[in-house]
Amino acid sequence: DLRFREKYAEEMVEELPDAEVLNGAKHTLELLPDEKDAVDDTM
């Protein structure tokens, strides 16, 4: 659900540095929810 992904992206933005906000949101919208673990590994 795109709305769920947008909500998740907004939550991620709060955890990411400003420099990664746009990239993090983009990747979250493009990737499947399962990819969340891969994103968490970079933090």
PDB file of N, CA and C in Angstrom:
ATOM      1  N   ASP A   1       0.852  -1.197   0.000  1.00  0.00           N
ATOM      2  CA  ASP A   1       0.000   0.000   0.000  1.00  0.00           C
ATOM      3  C   ASP A   1       0.888   1.247   0.000  1.00  0.00           C
ATOM      4  N   LEU A   2       0.686   2.109  -0.985  1.00  0.00           N
ATOM      5  CA  LEU A   2       1.547   3.285  -1.132  1.00  0.00           C
ATOM      6  C   LEU A   2       1.432   4.198   0.089  1.00  0.00           C
ATOM      7  N   ARG A   3       0.228   4.337   0.623  1.00  0.00           N
ATOM      8  CA  ARG A   3       0.060   5.211   1.792  1.00  0.00           C
ATOM      9  C   ARG A   3       0.850   4.669   2.978  1.00  0.00           C
ATOM     10  N   PHE A   4       0.858   3.350   3.157  1.00  0.00           N
ATOM     11  CA  PHE A   4       1.631   2.757   4.249  1.00  0.00           C
ATOM     12  C   PHE A   4       3.106   3.064   4.053  1.00  0.00           C
ATOM     13  N   ARG A   5       3.591   2.946   2.817  1.00  0.00           N
ATOM     14  CA  ARG A   5       5.006   3.200   2.549  1.00  0.00           C
ATOM     15  C   ARG A   5       5.340   4.663   2.809  1.00  0.00           C
ATOM     16  N   GLU A   6       4.446   5.564   2.446  1.00  0.00           N
ATOM     17  CA  GLU A   6       4.699   6.992   2.688  1.00  0.00           C
ATOM     18  C   GLU A   6       4.776   7.251   4.192  1.00  0.00           C
ATOM     19  N   LYS A   7       3.875   6.643   4.948  1.00  0.00           N
ATOM     20  CA  LYS A   7       3.886   6.818   6.401  1.00  0.00           C
ATOM     21  C   LYS A   7       5.190   6.263   6.971  1.00  0.00           C
ATOM     22  N   TYR A   8       5.618   5.101   6.492  1.00  0.00           N
ATOM     23  CA  TYR A   8       6.870   4.497   6.957  1.00  0.00           C
ATOM     24  C   TYR A   8       8.049   5.386   6.593  1.00  0.00           C
ATOM     25  N   ALA A   9       8.001   5.970   5.397  1.00  0.00           N
ATOM     26  CA  ALA A   9       9.088   6.854   4.959  1.00  0.00           C
ATOM     27  C   ALA A   9       9.184   8.059   5.891  1.00  0.00           C
ATOM     28  N   GLU A  10       8.051   8.628   6.256  1.00  0.00           N
ATOM     29  CA  GLU A  10       8.063   9.793   7.149  1.00  0.00           C
ATOM     30  C   GLU A  10       8.656   9.414   8.502  1.00  0.00           C
ATOM     31  N   GLU A  11       8.351   8.210   8.982  1.00  0.00           N
ATOM     32  CA  GLU A  11       8.904   7.770  10.264  1.00  0.00           C
ATOM     33  C   GLU A  11      10.408   7.571  10.151  1.00  0.00           C
ATOM     34  N   MET A  12      10.866   7.039   9.021  1.00  0.00           N
ATOM     35  CA  MET A  12      12.298   6.829   8.812  1.00  0.00           C
ATOM     36  C   MET A  12      13.037   8.155   8.753  1.00  0.00           C
ATOM     37  N   VAL A  13      12.413   9.153   8.120  1.00  0.00           N
ATOM     38  CA  VAL A  13      13.055  10.461   7.981  1.00  0.00           C
ATOM     39  C   VAL A  13      13.463  11.004   9.346  1.00  0.00           C
ATOM     40  N   GLU A  14      12.645  10.756  10.347  1.00  0.00           N
ATOM     41  CA  GLU A  14      12.954  11.262  11.691  1.00  0.00           C
ATOM     42  C   GLU A  14      14.210  10.607  12.251  1.00  0.00           C
ATOM     43  N   GLU A  15      14.546   9.405  11.766  1.00  0.00           N
ATOM     44  CA  GLU A  15      15.699   8.675  12.291  1.00  0.00           C
ATOM     45  C   GLU A  15      16.955   8.908  11.460  1.00  0.00           C
ATOM     46  N   LEU A  16      16.792   9.434  10.246  1.00  0.00           N
ATOM     47  CA  LEU A  16      17.940   9.620   9.359  1.00  0.00           C
ATOM     48  C   LEU A  16      18.494  11.031   9.459  1.00  0.00           C
ATOM     49  N   PRO A  17      19.798  11.189   9.247  1.00  0.00           N
ATOM     50  CA  PRO A  17      20.397  12.526   9.158  1.00  0.00           C
ATOM     51  C   PRO A  17      19.812  13.279   7.962  1.00  0.00           C
ATOM     52  N   ASP A  18      19.836  14.610   8.020  1.00  0.00           N
ATOM     53  CA  ASP A  18      19.246  15.404   6.942  1.00  0.00           C
ATOM     54  C   ASP A  18      19.806  15.018   5.582  1.00  0.00           C
ATOM     55  N   ALA A  19      21.093  14.688   5.526  1.00  0.00           N
ATOM     56  CA  ALA A  19      21.731  14.369   4.250  1.00  0.00           C
ATOM     57  C   ALA A  19      21.136  13.115   3.628  1.00  0.00           C
ATOM     58  N   GLU A  20      20.554  12.245   4.461  1.00  0.00           N
ATOM     59  CA  GLU A  20      20.029  10.985   3.931  1.00  0.00           C
ATOM     60  C   GLU A  20      18.504  10.957   3.879  1.00  0.00           C
ATOM     61  N   VAL A  21      17.872  12.036   4.297  1.00  0.00           N
ATOM     62  CA  VAL A  21      16.404  12.060   4.353  1.00  0.00           C
ATOM     63  C   VAL A  21      15.794  11.761   2.987  1.00  0.00           C
ATOM     64  N   LEU A  22      16.209  12.499   1.964  1.00  0.00           N
ATOM     65  CA  LEU A  22      15.626  12.310   0.635  1.00  0.00           C
ATOM     66  C   LEU A  22      15.915  10.918   0.102  1.00  0.00           C
ATOM     67  N   ASN A  23      17.164  10.484   0.195  1.00  0.00           N
ATOM     68  CA  ASN A  23      17.520   9.153  -0.303  1.00  0.00           C
ATOM     69  C   ASN A  23      16.772   8.077   0.465  1.00  0.00           C
ATOM     70  N   GLY A  24      16.705   8.217   1.778  1.00  0.00           N
ATOM     71  CA  GLY A  24      16.007   7.228   2.590  1.00  0.00           C
ATOM     72  C   GLY A  24      14.535   7.136   2.207  1.00  0.00           C
ATOM     73  N   ALA A  25      13.889   8.280   2.038  1.00  0.00           N
ATOM     74  CA  ALA A  25      12.476   8.282   1.671  1.00  0.00           C
ATOM     75  C   ALA A  25      12.292   7.668   0.288  1.00  0.00           C
ATOM     76  N   LYS A  26      13.157   8.046  -0.656  1.00  0.00           N
ATOM     77  CA  LYS A  26      13.057   7.499  -2.016  1.00  0.00           C
ATOM     78  C   LYS A  26      13.186   5.986  -1.986  1.00  0.00           C
ATOM     79  N   HIS A  27      14.232   5.500  -1.317  1.00  0.00           N
ATOM     80  CA  HIS A  27      14.465   4.061  -1.291  1.00  0.00           C
ATOM     81  C   HIS A  27      13.304   3.346  -0.609  1.00  0.00           C
ATOM     82  N   THR A  28      12.782   3.930   0.451  1.00  0.00           N
ATOM     83  CA  THR A  28      11.677   3.296   1.168  1.00  0.00           C
ATOM     84  C   THR A  28      10.450   3.189   0.270  1.00  0.00           C
ATOM     85  N   LEU A  29      10.187   4.224  -0.532  1.00  0.00           N
ATOM     86  CA  LEU A  29       9.031   4.189  -1.426  1.00  0.00           C
ATOM     87  C   LEU A  29       9.237   3.168  -2.534  1.00  0.00           C
ATOM     88  N   GLU A  30      10.501   2.970  -2.950  1.00  0.00           N
ATOM     89  CA  GLU A  30      10.781   2.070  -4.072  1.00  0.00           C
ATOM     90  C   GLU A  30      10.923   0.619  -3.622  1.00  0.00           C
ATOM     91  N   LEU A  31      11.458   0.419  -2.417  1.00  0.00           N
ATOM     92  CA  LEU A  31      11.729  -0.942  -1.954  1.00  0.00           C
ATOM     93  C   LEU A  31      10.513  -1.560  -1.279  1.00  0.00           C
ATOM     94  N   LEU A  32      10.524  -2.879  -1.212  1.00  0.00           N
ATOM     95  CA  LEU A  32       9.470  -3.578  -0.492  1.00  0.00           C
ATOM     96  C   LEU A  32       9.717  -3.462   1.009  1.00  0.00           C
ATOM     97  N   PRO A  33       8.670  -3.598   1.820  1.00  0.00           N
ATOM     98  CA  PRO A  33       8.824  -3.503   3.283  1.00  0.00           C
ATOM     99  C   PRO A  33       9.904  -4.454   3.800  1.00  0.00           C
ATOM    100  N   ASP A  34      10.099  -5.584   3.143  1.00  0.00           N
ATOM    101  CA  ASP A  34      11.116  -6.553   3.579  1.00  0.00           C
ATOM    102  C   ASP A  34      12.517  -5.964   3.508  1.00  0.00           C
ATOM    103  N   GLU A  35      12.719  -4.968   2.647  1.00  0.00           N
ATOM    104  CA  GLU A  35      14.040  -4.360   2.500  1.00  0.00           C
ATOM    105  C   GLU A  35      14.387  -3.476   3.699  1.00  0.00           C
ATOM    106  N   LYS A  36      13.433  -3.252   4.591  1.00  0.00           N
ATOM    107  CA  LYS A  36      13.676  -2.399   5.760  1.00  0.00           C
ATOM    108  C   LYS A  36      14.920  -2.855   6.521  1.00  0.00           C
ATOM    109  N   ASP A  37      15.098  -4.165   6.659  1.00  0.00           N
ATOM    110  CA  ASP A  37      16.250  -4.683   7.403  1.00  0.00           C
ATOM    111  C   ASP A  37      17.557  -4.235   6.756  1.00  0.00           C
ATOM    112  N   ALA A  38      17.606  -4.209   5.429  1.00  0.00           N
ATOM    113  CA  ALA A  38      18.822  -3.786   4.738  1.00  0.00           C
ATOM    114  C   ALA A  38      19.108  -2.320   5.051  1.00  0.00           C
ATOM    115  N   VAL A  39      18.062  -1.499   5.106  1.00  0.00           N
ATOM    116  CA  VAL A  39      18.244  -0.079   5.416  1.00  0.00           C
ATOM    117  C   VAL A  39      18.716   0.084   6.856  1.00  0.00           C
ATOM    118  N   ASP A  40      18.149  -0.691   7.767  1.00  0.00           N
ATOM    119  CA  ASP A  40      18.531  -0.591   9.178  1.00  0.00           C
ATOM    120  C   ASP A  40      20.007  -0.931   9.371  1.00  0.00           C
ATOM    121  N   ASP A  41      20.538  -1.839   8.563  1.00  0.00           N
ATOM    122  CA  ASP A  41      21.938  -2.240   8.701  1.00  0.00           C
ATOM    123  C   ASP A  41      22.884  -1.082   8.415  1.00  0.00           C
ATOM    124  N   THR A  42      22.445  -0.068   7.646  1.00  0.00           N
ATOM    125  CA  THR A  42      23.324   1.042   7.290  1.00  0.00           C
ATOM    126  C   THR A  42      23.372   2.091   8.391  1.00  0.00           C
ATOM    127  N   MET A  43      22.513   1.970   9.393  1.00  0.00           N
ATOM    128  CA  MET A  43      22.451   2.991  10.431  1.00  0.00           C
ATOM    129  C   MET A  43      23.448   2.710  11.548  1.00  0.00           C
TER     130      MET A  43
END
